[in-house]
Amino acid sequence: MEDVLIPLIIFGAIFGIVYVIVSARHKEKMAMIERGADPELFRSKPLKFSQYNLFKYGLFLIGIAVGLIIGGMMAEAHLMDEVTGYFSSILFFGGLALVIAYLLRNKLEKD
């Protein structure tokens, strides 16, 4: 019974949150149109990805992959508990990758 009930509750909660957000956004748009706002304000603009963002995300994913590899090595060598090794390595190398991306951006902007 619990195996079915928990996914249904999670799905219902996600559906409820999305429904509330969409209906609130619709009510807000209708109120603005009634007050004479320009309908063009509601059109979404296409997402722009700069080269730096793509570089940063790529470097972050590489950091996570390195963290998984190092975490696996630490778990195999019994240096650390398996969960702790993976979790700490992923966070450390993912954060390190973001710091490196920030430092490289500053260096490139100065040049």
PDB file of N, CA and C in Angstrom:
ATOM      1  N   MET A   1       0.831  -1.204   0.000  1.00  0.00           N
ATOM      2  CA  MET A   1       0.000   0.000   0.000  1.00  0.00           C
ATOM      3  C   MET A   1       0.868   1.257   0.000  1.00  0.00           C
ATOM      4  N   GLU A   2       1.916   1.235   0.828  1.00  0.00           N
ATOM      5  CA  GLU A   2       2.787   2.407   0.911  1.00  0.00           C
ATOM      6  C   GLU A   2       3.573   2.608  -0.378  1.00  0.00           C
ATOM      7  N   ASP A   3       3.876   1.519  -1.075  1.00  0.00           N
ATOM      8  CA  ASP A   3       4.624   1.616  -2.323  1.00  0.00           C
ATOM      9  C   ASP A   3       3.849   2.369  -3.390  1.00  0.00           C
ATOM     10  N   VAL A   4       2.553   2.345  -3.329  1.00  0.00           N
ATOM     11  CA  VAL A   4       1.715   3.056  -4.292  1.00  0.00           C
ATOM     12  C   VAL A   4       1.366   4.440  -3.775  1.00  0.00           C
ATOM     13  N   LEU A   5       1.163   4.564  -2.498  1.00  0.00           N
ATOM     14  CA  LEU A   5       0.696   5.811  -1.911  1.00  0.00           C
ATOM     15  C   LEU A   5       1.744   6.931  -1.969  1.00  0.00           C
ATOM     16  N   ILE A   6       2.987   6.610  -1.709  1.00  0.00           N
ATOM     17  CA  ILE A   6       4.035   7.642  -1.687  1.00  0.00           C
ATOM     18  C   ILE A   6       4.228   8.275  -3.058  1.00  0.00           C
ATOM     19  N   PRO A   7       4.381   7.517  -4.160  1.00  0.00           N
ATOM     20  CA  PRO A   7       4.490   8.168  -5.470  1.00  0.00           C
ATOM     21  C   PRO A   7       3.259   8.992  -5.836  1.00  0.00           C
ATOM     22  N   LEU A   8       2.077   8.513  -5.448  1.00  0.00           N
ATOM     23  CA  LEU A   8       0.862   9.281  -5.735  1.00  0.00           C
ATOM     24  C   LEU A   8       0.861  10.610  -4.987  1.00  0.00           C
ATOM     25  N   ILE A   9       1.300  10.609  -3.743  1.00  0.00           N
ATOM     26  CA  ILE A   9       1.362  11.852  -2.971  1.00  0.00           C
ATOM     27  C   ILE A   9       2.379  12.808  -3.583  1.00  0.00           C
ATOM     28  N   ILE A  10       3.544  12.288  -3.967  1.00  0.00           N
ATOM     29  CA  ILE A  10       4.568  13.137  -4.579  1.00  0.00           C
ATOM     30  C   ILE A  10       4.062  13.709  -5.899  1.00  0.00           C
ATOM     31  N   PHE A  11       3.461  12.876  -6.738  1.00  0.00           N
ATOM     32  CA  PHE A  11       2.919  13.350  -8.014  1.00  0.00           C
ATOM     33  C   PHE A  11       1.834  14.392  -7.780  1.00  0.00           C
ATOM     34  N   GLY A  12       0.945  14.144  -6.811  1.00  0.00           N
ATOM     35  CA  GLY A  12      -0.117  15.103  -6.504  1.00  0.00           C
ATOM     36  C   GLY A  12       0.433  16.430  -6.001  1.00  0.00           C
ATOM     37  N   ALA A  13       1.483  16.388  -5.199  1.00  0.00           N
ATOM     38  CA  ALA A  13       2.088  17.621  -4.695  1.00  0.00           C
ATOM     39  C   ALA A  13       2.724  18.422  -5.834  1.00  0.00           C
ATOM     40  N   ILE A  14       3.439  17.744  -6.718  1.00  0.00           N
ATOM     41  CA  ILE A  14       4.063  18.427  -7.858  1.00  0.00           C
ATOM     42  C   ILE A  14       2.988  19.008  -8.766  1.00  0.00           C
ATOM     43  N   PHE A  15       1.943  18.233  -9.053  1.00  0.00           N
ATOM     44  CA  PHE A  15       0.855  18.730  -9.885  1.00  0.00           C
ATOM     45  C   PHE A  15       0.186  19.940  -9.234  1.00  0.00           C
ATOM     46  N   GLY A  16      -0.042  19.880  -7.921  1.00  0.00           N
ATOM     47  CA  GLY A  16      -0.666  20.998  -7.217  1.00  0.00           C
ATOM     48  C   GLY A  16       0.165  22.265  -7.276  1.00  0.00           C
ATOM     49  N   ILE A  17       1.469  22.130  -7.107  1.00  0.00           N
ATOM     50  CA  ILE A  17       2.357  23.298  -7.161  1.00  0.00           C
ATOM     51  C   ILE A  17       2.349  23.911  -8.551  1.00  0.00           C
ATOM     52  N   VAL A  18       2.450  23.084  -9.582  1.00  0.00           N
ATOM     53  CA  VAL A  18       2.436  23.588 -10.957  1.00  0.00           C
ATOM     54  C   VAL A  18       1.097  24.253 -11.258  1.00  0.00           C
ATOM     55  N   TYR A  19       0.004  23.663 -10.823  1.00  0.00           N
ATOM     56  CA  TYR A  19      -1.322  24.232 -11.062  1.00  0.00           C
ATOM     57  C   TYR A  19      -1.459  25.602 -10.397  1.00  0.00           C
ATOM     58  N   VAL A  20      -1.011  25.719  -9.164  1.00  0.00           N
ATOM     59  CA  VAL A  20      -1.108  27.003  -8.460  1.00  0.00           C
ATOM     60  C   VAL A  20      -0.264  28.060  -9.164  1.00  0.00           C
ATOM     61  N   ILE A  21       0.927  27.707  -9.600  1.00  0.00           N
ATOM     62  CA  ILE A  21       1.795  28.672 -10.290  1.00  0.00           C
ATOM     63  C   ILE A  21       1.171  29.122 -11.598  1.00  0.00           C
ATOM     64  N   VAL A  22       0.664  28.175 -12.385  1.00  0.00           N
ATOM     65  CA  VAL A  22       0.080  28.525 -13.685  1.00  0.00           C
ATOM     66  C   VAL A  22      -1.183  29.364 -13.504  1.00  0.00           C
ATOM     67  N   SER A  23      -2.043  28.996 -12.571  1.00  0.00           N
ATOM     68  CA  SER A  23      -3.280  29.759 -12.385  1.00  0.00           C
ATOM     69  C   SER A  23      -2.992  31.152 -11.817  1.00  0.00           C
ATOM     70  N   ALA A  24      -1.999  31.276 -10.946  1.00  0.00           N
ATOM     71  CA  ALA A  24      -1.648  32.598 -10.417  1.00  0.00           C
ATOM     72  C   ALA A  24      -1.076  33.483 -11.521  1.00  0.00           C
ATOM     73  N   ARG A  25      -0.254  32.892 -12.391  1.00  0.00           N
ATOM     74  CA  ARG A  25       0.323  33.655 -13.500  1.00  0.00           C
ATOM     75  C   ARG A  25      -0.780  34.118 -14.459  1.00  0.00           C
ATOM     76  N   HIS A  26      -1.761  33.238 -14.705  1.00  0.00           N
ATOM     77  CA  HIS A  26      -2.874  33.593 -15.587  1.00  0.00           C
ATOM     78  C   HIS A  26      -3.709  34.735 -14.984  1.00  0.00           C
ATOM     79  N   LYS A  27      -4.010  34.640 -13.700  1.00  0.00           N
ATOM     80  CA  LYS A  27      -4.780  35.702 -13.046  1.00  0.00           C
ATOM     81  C   LYS A  27      -4.033  37.024 -13.082  1.00  0.00           C
ATOM     82  N   GLU A  28      -2.724  36.964 -12.877  1.00  0.00           N
ATOM     83  CA  GLU A  28      -1.923  38.188 -12.914  1.00  0.00           C
ATOM     84  C   GLU A  28      -1.935  38.809 -14.307  1.00  0.00           C
ATOM     85  N   LYS A  29      -1.805  37.980 -15.343  1.00  0.00           N
ATOM     86  CA  LYS A  29      -1.845  38.484 -16.714  1.00  0.00           C
ATOM     87  C   LYS A  29      -3.201  39.099 -17.036  1.00  0.00           C
ATOM     88  N   MET A  30      -4.289  38.439 -16.624  1.00  0.00           N
ATOM     89  CA  MET A  30      -5.621  38.966 -16.894  1.00  0.00           C
ATOM     90  C   MET A  30      -5.838  40.300 -16.180  1.00  0.00           C
ATOM     91  N   ALA A  31      -5.366  40.428 -14.961  1.00  0.00           N
ATOM     92  CA  ALA A  31      -5.512  41.685 -14.230  1.00  0.00           C
ATOM     93  C   ALA A  31      -4.720  42.800 -14.909  1.00  0.00           C
ATOM     94  N   MET A  32      -3.537  42.478 -15.417  1.00  0.00           N
ATOM     95  CA  MET A  32      -2.731  43.501 -16.095  1.00  0.00           C
ATOM     96  C   MET A  32      -3.373  43.915 -17.418  1.00  0.00           C
ATOM     97  N   ILE A  33      -3.970  42.964 -18.131  1.00  0.00           N
ATOM     98  CA  ILE A  33      -4.633  43.292 -19.395  1.00  0.00           C
ATOM     99  C   ILE A  33      -5.853  44.174 -19.123  1.00  0.00           C
ATOM    100  N   GLU A  34      -6.590  43.882 -18.045  1.00  0.00           N
ATOM    101  CA  GLU A  34      -7.747  44.708 -17.694  1.00  0.00           C
ATOM    102  C   GLU A  34      -7.325  46.142 -17.373  1.00  0.00           C
ATOM    103  N   ARG A  35      -6.135  46.311 -16.851  1.00  0.00           N
ATOM    104  CA  ARG A  35      -5.646  47.665 -16.526  1.00  0.00           C
ATOM    105  C   ARG A  35      -4.999  48.349 -17.722  1.00  0.00           C
ATOM    106  N   GLY A  36      -4.910  47.643 -18.841  1.00  0.00           N
ATOM    107  CA  GLY A  36      -4.415  48.269 -20.061  1.00  0.00           C
ATOM    108  C   GLY A  36      -2.951  48.017 -20.354  1.00  0.00           C
ATOM    109  N   ALA A  37      -2.360  46.982 -19.781  1.00  0.00           N
ATOM    110  CA  ALA A  37      -0.959  46.673 -20.047  1.00  0.00           C
ATOM    111  C   ALA A  37      -0.803  46.109 -21.452  1.00  0.00           C
ATOM    112  N   ASP A  38       0.365  46.267 -22.011  1.00  0.00           N
ATOM    113  CA  ASP A  38       0.667  45.784 -23.351  1.00  0.00           C
ATOM    114  C   ASP A  38       0.831  44.260 -23.328  1.00  0.00           C
ATOM    115  N   PRO A  39       0.106  43.523 -24.173  1.00  0.00           N
ATOM    116  CA  PRO A  39       0.217  42.050 -24.184  1.00  0.00           C
ATOM    117  C   PRO A  39       1.612  41.556 -24.578  1.00  0.00           C
ATOM    118  N   GLU A  40       2.403  42.376 -25.240  1.00  0.00           N
ATOM    119  CA  GLU A  40       3.756  41.965 -25.631  1.00  0.00           C
ATOM    120  C   GLU A  40       4.652  41.735 -24.418  1.00  0.00           C
ATOM    121  N   LEU A  41       4.289  42.281 -23.274  1.00  0.00           N
ATOM    122  CA  LEU A  41       5.076  42.085 -22.057  1.00  0.00           C
ATOM    123  C   LEU A  41       5.095  40.617 -21.629  1.00  0.00           C
ATOM    124  N   PHE A  42       4.088  39.854 -22.043  1.00  0.00           N
ATOM    125  CA  PHE A  42       3.944  38.491 -21.575  1.00  0.00           C
ATOM    126  C   PHE A  42       4.671  37.471 -22.444  1.00  0.00           C
ATOM    127  N   ARG A  43       5.147  37.899 -23.582  1.00  0.00           N
ATOM    128  CA  ARG A  43       5.847  36.958 -24.455  1.00  0.00           C
ATOM    129  C   ARG A  43       7.215  36.641 -23.859  1.00  0.00           C
ATOM    130  N   SER A  44       7.527  35.369 -23.814  1.00  0.00           N
ATOM    131  CA  SER A  44       8.818  34.970 -23.257  1.00  0.00           C
ATOM    132  C   SER A  44       9.905  35.158 -24.305  1.00  0.00           C
ATOM    133  N   LYS A  45      11.045  35.584 -23.826  1.00  0.00           N
ATOM    134  CA  LYS A  45      12.183  35.791 -24.707  1.00  0.00           C
ATOM    135  C   LYS A  45      12.978  34.491 -24.777  1.00  0.00           C
ATOM    136  N   PRO A  46      13.564  34.209 -25.936  1.00  0.00           N
ATOM    137  CA  PRO A  46      14.362  32.979 -26.030  1.00  0.00           C
ATOM    138  C   PRO A  46      15.570  33.057 -25.100  1.00  0.00           C
ATOM    139  N   LEU A  47      15.952  31.898 -24.558  1.00  0.00           N
ATOM    140  CA  LEU A  47      17.095  31.855 -23.665  1.00  0.00           C
ATOM    141  C   LEU A  47      18.383  32.089 -24.449  1.00  0.00           C
ATOM    142  N   LYS A  48      19.256  32.862 -23.856  1.00  0.00           N
ATOM    143  CA  LYS A  48      20.555  33.099 -24.466  1.00  0.00           C
ATOM    144  C   LYS A  48      21.613  32.454 -23.583  1.00  0.00           C
ATOM    145  N   PHE A  49      22.438  31.651 -24.192  1.00  0.00           N
ATOM    146  CA  PHE A  49      23.551  31.058 -23.473  1.00  0.00           C
ATOM    147  C   PHE A  49      24.823  31.689 -23.993  1.00  0.00           C
ATOM    148  N   SER A  50      25.541  32.326 -23.107  1.00  0.00           N
ATOM    149  CA  SER A  50      26.814  32.890 -23.523  1.00  0.00           C
ATOM    150  C   SER A  50      27.844  31.778 -23.564  1.00  0.00           C
ATOM    151  N   GLN A  51      28.942  32.058 -24.209  1.00  0.00           N
ATOM    152  CA  GLN A  51      30.001  31.058 -24.282  1.00  0.00           C
ATOM    153  C   GLN A  51      30.548  30.768 -22.893  1.00  0.00           C
ATOM    154  N   TYR A  52      30.565  31.781 -22.022  1.00  0.00           N
ATOM    155  CA  TYR A  52      31.062  31.567 -20.666  1.00  0.00           C
ATOM    156  C   TYR A  52      30.163  30.605 -19.904  1.00  0.00           C
ATOM    157  N   ASN A  53      28.836  30.751 -20.037  1.00  0.00           N
ATOM    158  CA  ASN A  53      27.925  29.848 -19.332  1.00  0.00           C
ATOM    159  C   ASN A  53      28.109  28.406 -19.790  1.00  0.00           C
ATOM    160  N   LEU A  54      28.249  28.208 -21.094  1.00  0.00           N
ATOM    161  CA  LEU A  54      28.478  26.850 -21.592  1.00  0.00           C
ATOM    162  C   LEU A  54      29.792  26.298 -21.067  1.00  0.00           C
ATOM    163  N   PHE A  55      30.821  27.141 -21.034  1.00  0.00           N
ATOM    164  CA  PHE A  55      32.114  26.729 -20.491  1.00  0.00           C
ATOM    165  C   PHE A  55      31.999  26.379 -19.019  1.00  0.00           C
ATOM    166  N   LYS A  56      31.284  27.222 -18.265  1.00  0.00           N
ATOM    167  CA  LYS A  56      31.132  27.008 -16.832  1.00  0.00           C
ATOM    168  C   LYS A  56      30.385  25.707 -16.550  1.00  0.00           C
ATOM    169  N   TYR A  57      29.288  25.457 -17.264  1.00  0.00           N
ATOM    170  CA  TYR A  57      28.517  24.235 -17.055  1.00  0.00           C
ATOM    171  C   TYR A  57      29.319  23.005 -17.458  1.00  0.00           C
ATOM    172  N   GLY A  58      30.049  23.110 -18.548  1.00  0.00           N
ATOM    173  CA  GLY A  58      30.887  22.000 -18.979  1.00  0.00           C
ATOM    174  C   GLY A  58      31.960  21.678 -17.960  1.00  0.00           C
ATOM    175  N   LEU A  59      32.609  22.711 -17.451  1.00  0.00           N
ATOM    176  CA  LEU A  59      33.642  22.514 -16.442  1.00  0.00           C
ATOM    177  C   LEU A  59      33.051  21.952 -15.156  1.00  0.00           C
ATOM    178  N   PHE A  60      31.840  22.382 -14.804  1.00  0.00           N
ATOM    179  CA  PHE A  60      31.161  21.880 -13.617  1.00  0.00           C
ATOM    180  C   PHE A  60      30.856  20.388 -13.757  1.00  0.00           C
ATOM    181  N   LEU A  61      30.369  19.980 -14.922  1.00  0.00           N
ATOM    182  CA  LEU A  61      30.075  18.566 -15.147  1.00  0.00           C
ATOM    183  C   LEU A  61      31.344  17.717 -15.154  1.00  0.00           C
ATOM    184  N   ILE A  62      32.433  18.272 -15.680  1.00  0.00           N
ATOM    185  CA  ILE A  62      33.712  17.571 -15.620  1.00  0.00           C
ATOM    186  C   ILE A  62      34.144  17.420 -14.168  1.00  0.00           C
ATOM    187  N   GLY A  63      33.955  18.466 -13.359  1.00  0.00           N
ATOM    188  CA  GLY A  63      34.285  18.390 -11.941  1.00  0.00           C
ATOM    189  C   GLY A  63      33.477  17.326 -11.224  1.00  0.00           C
ATOM    190  N   ILE A  64      32.191  17.223 -11.546  1.00  0.00           N
ATOM    191  CA  ILE A  64      31.352  16.181 -10.937  1.00  0.00           C
ATOM    192  C   ILE A  64      31.847  14.793 -11.350  1.00  0.00           C
ATOM    193  N   ALA A  65      32.232  14.633 -12.620  1.00  0.00           N
ATOM    194  CA  ALA A  65      32.739  13.335 -13.082  1.00  0.00           C
ATOM    195  C   ALA A  65      34.037  12.975 -12.359  1.00  0.00           C
ATOM    196  N   VAL A  66      34.922  13.947 -12.203  1.00  0.00           N
ATOM    197  CA  VAL A  66      36.165  13.694 -11.471  1.00  0.00           C
ATOM    198  C   VAL A  66      35.847  13.348 -10.023  1.00  0.00           C
ATOM    199  N   GLY A  67      34.866  14.028  -9.430  1.00  0.00           N
ATOM    200  CA  GLY A  67      34.453  13.722  -8.067  1.00  0.00           C
ATOM    201  C   GLY A  67      33.929  12.303  -7.934  1.00  0.00           C
ATOM    202  N   LEU A  68      33.169  11.838  -8.918  1.00  0.00           N
ATOM    203  CA  LEU A  68      32.685  10.453  -8.901  1.00  0.00           C
ATOM    204  C   LEU A  68      33.832   9.457  -8.985  1.00  0.00           C
ATOM    205  N   ILE A  69      34.799   9.764  -9.828  1.00  0.00           N
ATOM    206  CA  ILE A  69      35.949   8.868  -9.981  1.00  0.00           C
ATOM    207  C   ILE A  69      36.758   8.811  -8.686  1.00  0.00           C
ATOM    208  N   ILE A  70      37.067   9.977  -8.119  1.00  0.00           N
ATOM    209  CA  ILE A  70      37.848  10.026  -6.877  1.00  0.00           C
ATOM    210  C   ILE A  70      37.066   9.382  -5.739  1.00  0.00           C
ATOM    211  N   GLY A  71      35.762   9.640  -5.661  1.00  0.00           N
ATOM    212  CA  GLY A  71      34.934   9.018  -4.633  1.00  0.00           C
ATOM    213  C   GLY A  71      34.938   7.505  -4.751  1.00  0.00           C
ATOM    214  N   GLY A  72      34.880   6.995  -5.969  1.00  0.00           N
ATOM    215  CA  GLY A  72      34.954   5.559  -6.185  1.00  0.00           C
ATOM    216  C   GLY A  72      36.297   4.984  -5.765  1.00  0.00           C
ATOM    217  N   MET A  73      37.369   5.717  -6.048  1.00  0.00           N
ATOM    218  CA  MET A  73      38.697   5.262  -5.630  1.00  0.00           C
ATOM    219  C   MET A  73      38.819   5.225  -4.107  1.00  0.00           C
ATOM    220  N   MET A  74      38.277   6.253  -3.451  1.00  0.00           N
ATOM    221  CA  MET A  74      38.350   6.288  -1.988  1.00  0.00           C
ATOM    222  C   MET A  74      37.501   5.187  -1.374  1.00  0.00           C
ATOM    223  N   ALA A  75      36.371   4.870  -1.986  1.00  0.00           N
ATOM    224  CA  ALA A  75      35.520   3.796  -1.471  1.00  0.00           C
ATOM    225  C   ALA A  75      36.185   2.436  -1.673  1.00  0.00           C
ATOM    226  N   GLU A  76      36.841   2.248  -2.820  1.00  0.00           N
ATOM    227  CA  GLU A  76      37.527   0.980  -3.093  1.00  0.00           C
ATOM    228  C   GLU A  76      38.717   0.781  -2.164  1.00  0.00           C
ATOM    229  N   ALA A  77      39.417   1.864  -1.849  1.00  0.00           N
ATOM    230  CA  ALA A  77      40.597   1.773  -0.984  1.00  0.00           C
ATOM    231  C   ALA A  77      40.215   1.774   0.495  1.00  0.00           C
ATOM    232  N   HIS A  78      38.927   1.861   0.783  1.00  0.00           N
ATOM    233  CA  HIS A  78      38.409   1.899   2.156  1.00  0.00           C
ATOM    234  C   HIS A  78      38.995   3.058   2.957  1.00  0.00           C
ATOM    235  N   LEU A  79      39.256   4.179   2.276  1.00  0.00           N
ATOM    236  CA  LEU A  79      39.735   5.377   2.964  1.00  0.00           C
ATOM    237  C   LEU A  79      38.593   6.126   3.629  1.00  0.00           C
ATOM    238  N   MET A  80      37.403   5.949   3.089  1.00  0.00           N
ATOM    239  CA  MET A  80      36.243   6.676   3.580  1.00  0.00           C
ATOM    240  C   MET A  80      35.008   5.825   3.322  1.00  0.00           C
ATOM    241  N   ASP A  81      33.960   6.090   4.071  1.00  0.00           N
ATOM    242  CA  ASP A  81      32.687   5.426   3.830  1.00  0.00           C
ATOM    243  C   ASP A  81      32.245   5.727   2.401  1.00  0.00           C
ATOM    244  N   GLU A  82      31.566   4.795   1.757  1.00  0.00           N
ATOM    245  CA  GLU A  82      31.215   4.940   0.346  1.00  0.00           C
ATOM    246  C   GLU A  82      30.360   6.179   0.090  1.00  0.00           C
ATOM    247  N   VAL A  83      29.306   6.363   0.863  1.00  0.00           N
ATOM    248  CA  VAL A  83      28.408   7.503   0.652  1.00  0.00           C
ATOM    249  C   VAL A  83      29.138   8.813   0.925  1.00  0.00           C
ATOM    250  N   THR A  84      29.889   8.849   2.010  1.00  0.00           N
ATOM    251  CA  THR A  84      30.626  10.068   2.355  1.00  0.00           C
ATOM    252  C   THR A  84      31.675  10.390   1.312  1.00  0.00           C
ATOM    253  N   GLY A  85      32.367   9.380   0.820  1.00  0.00           N
ATOM    254  CA  GLY A  85      33.396   9.595  -0.192  1.00  0.00           C
ATOM    255  C   GLY A  85      32.832  10.162  -1.476  1.00  0.00           C
ATOM    256  N   TYR A  86      31.750   9.558  -1.966  1.00  0.00           N
ATOM    257  CA  TYR A  86      31.137  10.054  -3.194  1.00  0.00           C
ATOM    258  C   TYR A  86      30.598  11.476  -3.012  1.00  0.00           C
ATOM    259  N   PHE A  87      29.842  11.670  -1.947  1.00  0.00           N
ATOM    260  CA  PHE A  87      29.182  12.964  -1.731  1.00  0.00           C
ATOM    261  C   PHE A  87      30.199  14.080  -1.567  1.00  0.00           C
ATOM    262  N   SER A  88      31.205  13.874  -0.730  1.00  0.00           N
ATOM    263  CA  SER A  88      32.188  14.931  -0.492  1.00  0.00           C
ATOM    264  C   SER A  88      33.030  15.197  -1.734  1.00  0.00           C
ATOM    265  N   SER A  89      33.372  14.155  -2.472  1.00  0.00           N
ATOM    266  CA  SER A  89      34.176  14.349  -3.684  1.00  0.00           C
ATOM    267  C   SER A  89      33.399  15.095  -4.764  1.00  0.00           C
ATOM    268  N   ILE A  90      32.142  14.752  -4.933  1.00  0.00           N
ATOM    269  CA  ILE A  90      31.329  15.445  -5.934  1.00  0.00           C
ATOM    270  C   ILE A  90      31.205  16.922  -5.589  1.00  0.00           C
ATOM    271  N   LEU A  91      30.895  17.219  -4.332  1.00  0.00           N
ATOM    272  CA  LEU A  91      30.772  18.620  -3.930  1.00  0.00           C
ATOM    273  C   LEU A  91      32.094  19.361  -4.055  1.00  0.00           C
ATOM    274  N   PHE A  92      33.178  18.731  -3.623  1.00  0.00           N
ATOM    275  CA  PHE A  92      34.477  19.396  -3.662  1.00  0.00           C
ATOM    276  C   PHE A  92      34.915  19.704  -5.088  1.00  0.00           C
ATOM    277  N   PHE A  93      34.894  18.694  -5.949  1.00  0.00           N
ATOM    278  CA  PHE A  93      35.384  18.906  -7.313  1.00  0.00           C
ATOM    279  C   PHE A  93      34.410  19.723  -8.158  1.00  0.00           C
ATOM    280  N   GLY A  94      33.114  19.634  -7.902  1.00  0.00           N
ATOM    281  CA  GLY A  94      32.163  20.510  -8.596  1.00  0.00           C
ATOM    282  C   GLY A  94      32.389  21.959  -8.207  1.00  0.00           C
ATOM    283  N   GLY A  95      32.564  22.226  -6.913  1.00  0.00           N
ATOM    284  CA  GLY A  95      32.858  23.589  -6.454  1.00  0.00           C
ATOM    285  C   GLY A  95      34.196  24.090  -6.969  1.00  0.00           C
ATOM    286  N   LEU A  96      35.199  23.215  -6.972  1.00  0.00           N
ATOM    287  CA  LEU A  96      36.512  23.593  -7.485  1.00  0.00           C
ATOM    288  C   LEU A  96      36.434  23.976  -8.962  1.00  0.00           C
ATOM    289  N   ALA A  97      35.632  23.248  -9.720  1.00  0.00           N
ATOM    290  CA  ALA A  97      35.461  23.569 -11.145  1.00  0.00           C
ATOM    291  C   ALA A  97      34.813  24.935 -11.327  1.00  0.00           C
ATOM    292  N   LEU A  98      33.836  25.276 -10.490  1.00  0.00           N
ATOM    293  CA  LEU A  98      33.209  26.596 -10.594  1.00  0.00           C
ATOM    294  C   LEU A  98      34.182  27.706 -10.218  1.00  0.00           C
ATOM    295  N   VAL A  99      35.022  27.475  -9.218  1.00  0.00           N
ATOM    296  CA  VAL A  99      36.033  28.472  -8.844  1.00  0.00           C
ATOM    297  C   VAL A  99      37.038  28.652  -9.979  1.00  0.00           C
ATOM    298  N   ILE A 100      37.454  27.565 -10.588  1.00  0.00           N
ATOM    299  CA  ILE A 100      38.386  27.656 -11.719  1.00  0.00           C
ATOM    300  C   ILE A 100      37.746  28.410 -12.878  1.00  0.00           C
ATOM    301  N   ALA A 101      36.471  28.160 -13.160  1.00  0.00           N
ATOM    302  CA  ALA A 101      35.774  28.885 -14.235  1.00  0.00           C
ATOM    303  C   ALA A 101      35.730  30.378 -13.926  1.00  0.00           C
ATOM    304  N   TYR A 102      35.488  30.733 -12.667  1.00  0.00           N
ATOM    305  CA  TYR A 102      35.448  32.146 -12.269  1.00  0.00           C
ATOM    306  C   TYR A 102      36.818  32.793 -12.443  1.00  0.00           C
ATOM    307  N   LEU A 103      37.869  32.106 -11.990  1.00  0.00           N
ATOM    308  CA  LEU A 103      39.215  32.671 -12.107  1.00  0.00           C
ATOM    309  C   LEU A 103      39.641  32.808 -13.567  1.00  0.00           C
ATOM    310  N   LEU A 104      39.290  31.832 -14.389  1.00  0.00           N
ATOM    311  CA  LEU A 104      39.641  31.921 -15.822  1.00  0.00           C
ATOM    312  C   LEU A 104      38.880  33.051 -16.501  1.00  0.00           C
ATOM    313  N   ARG A 105      37.643  33.277 -16.109  1.00  0.00           N
ATOM    314  CA  ARG A 105      36.875  34.374 -16.702  1.00  0.00           C
ATOM    315  C   ARG A 105      37.512  35.712 -16.344  1.00  0.00           C
ATOM    316  N   ASN A 106      37.886  35.873 -15.086  1.00  0.00           N
ATOM    317  CA  ASN A 106      38.539  37.127 -14.680  1.00  0.00           C
ATOM    318  C   ASN A 106      39.849  37.322 -15.431  1.00  0.00           C
ATOM    319  N   LYS A 107      40.605  36.262 -15.597  1.00  0.00           N
ATOM    320  CA  LYS A 107      41.875  36.364 -16.315  1.00  0.00           C
ATOM    321  C   LYS A 107      41.655  36.741 -17.775  1.00  0.00           C
ATOM    322  N   LEU A 108      40.638  36.148 -18.416  1.00  0.00           N
ATOM    323  CA  LEU A 108      40.362  36.451 -19.814  1.00  0.00           C
ATOM    324  C   LEU A 108      39.809  37.856 -19.993  1.00  0.00           C
ATOM    325  N   GLU A 109      39.033  38.356 -19.018  1.00  0.00           N
ATOM    326  CA  GLU A 109      38.494  39.703 -19.131  1.00  0.00           C
ATOM    327  C   GLU A 109      39.564  40.751 -18.974  1.00  0.00           C
ATOM    328  N   LYS A 110      40.620  40.473 -18.204  1.00  0.00           N
ATOM    329  CA  LYS A 110      41.717  41.425 -18.030  1.00  0.00           C
ATOM    330  C   LYS A 110      42.572  41.531 -19.281  1.00  0.00           C
ATOM    331  N   ASP A 111      42.662  40.430 -20.048  1.00  0.00           N
ATOM    332  CA  ASP A 111      43.498  40.430 -21.262  1.00  0.00           C
ATOM    333  C   ASP A 111      42.864  41.139 -22.407  1.00  0.00           C
TER     334      ASP A 111
END
